[in-house]
Protein backbone atom coordinates (compact mmCIF):
# COMPACT_ATOMS: atom_id res chain seq x y z
CA MET A 1 89.34 251.81 -73.79
CA LYS A 2 86.09 250.68 -75.39
CA ILE A 3 82.49 251.76 -74.87
CA LYS A 4 79.37 249.59 -75.10
CA LEU A 5 75.91 251.16 -75.01
CA PHE A 6 73.01 249.03 -73.82
CA ASN A 7 69.40 249.83 -74.71
CA ARG A 8 66.33 247.83 -73.83
CA GLU A 9 65.75 245.19 -76.50
CA LEU A 10 62.51 243.76 -77.81
CA VAL A 11 61.85 240.24 -76.54
CA ALA A 12 59.55 237.72 -78.24
CA ASP A 13 56.63 236.98 -75.92
CA GLY A 14 54.39 234.47 -77.70
CA TYR A 15 52.18 234.83 -80.74
CA PHE A 16 48.92 236.56 -81.61
CA SER A 17 46.08 234.37 -82.94
CA ASN A 18 47.00 235.39 -86.52
CA GLY A 19 50.56 234.05 -86.11
CA ILE A 20 52.35 237.39 -85.67
CA THR A 21 54.95 237.41 -82.90
CA LYS A 22 54.11 239.39 -79.75
CA THR A 23 57.02 241.51 -78.51
CA ARG A 24 57.71 243.51 -75.38
CA GLN A 25 60.65 245.50 -74.03
CA GLU A 26 62.93 243.52 -71.75
CA ASN A 27 62.37 244.18 -68.06
CA ASN A 28 64.97 245.46 -65.57
CA GLU A 29 66.05 241.95 -64.52
CA GLU A 30 66.60 240.80 -68.12
CA LEU A 31 68.58 243.98 -68.93
CA GLU A 32 70.68 243.60 -65.77
CA THR A 33 71.43 239.95 -66.59
CA ARG A 34 72.51 240.84 -70.14
CA ILE A 35 74.82 243.61 -68.88
CA ASN A 36 76.31 241.42 -66.14
CA GLU A 37 77.03 238.63 -68.64
CA PHE A 38 78.76 241.14 -70.92
CA MET A 39 80.88 242.54 -68.06
CA ALA A 40 81.94 239.13 -66.71
CA ASP A 41 85.17 238.95 -68.74
CA LYS A 42 85.98 242.66 -69.04
CA LYS A 43 88.00 245.10 -66.98
CA ILE A 44 85.33 247.72 -66.25
CA SER A 45 86.34 251.39 -65.92
CA SER A 46 82.87 252.83 -65.36
CA VAL A 47 79.15 252.22 -65.75
CA GLN A 48 76.80 255.15 -66.27
CA ALA A 49 73.04 255.35 -66.76
CA TYR A 50 71.38 257.88 -69.04
CA GLY A 51 67.65 257.31 -68.69
CA ASP A 52 67.01 253.82 -70.08
CA ASN A 53 70.49 253.64 -71.64
CA ILE A 54 73.48 252.11 -69.85
CA MET A 55 77.04 252.96 -70.97
CA VAL A 56 79.87 250.61 -69.98
CA MET A 57 83.50 251.69 -70.45
CA TYR A 58 85.90 248.74 -70.41
CA ASP A 59 89.14 247.11 -71.51
CA GLU A 60 89.32 243.54 -72.81
CA VAL A 61 90.97 241.13 -70.38
CA GLN A 62 93.75 239.09 -71.98
CA GLU A 63 93.85 235.41 -70.99
CA ASN A 64 97.29 233.88 -70.47
CA ASP A 65 97.56 230.25 -71.64
């Protein structure tokens, strides 16, 4: 059993006029997409939300060749 904790990440969102990168926190849709892509090849035991943190408990899925 493994645990992965997801927090909102900072996303680059253009540049200020002085060349410094603008950042923002990822929105709900971006966070959901990132979590879904992570879970696509895992055997999920549970998903729990703690405020803005998402905890995913999973097992790796073994591929048979």
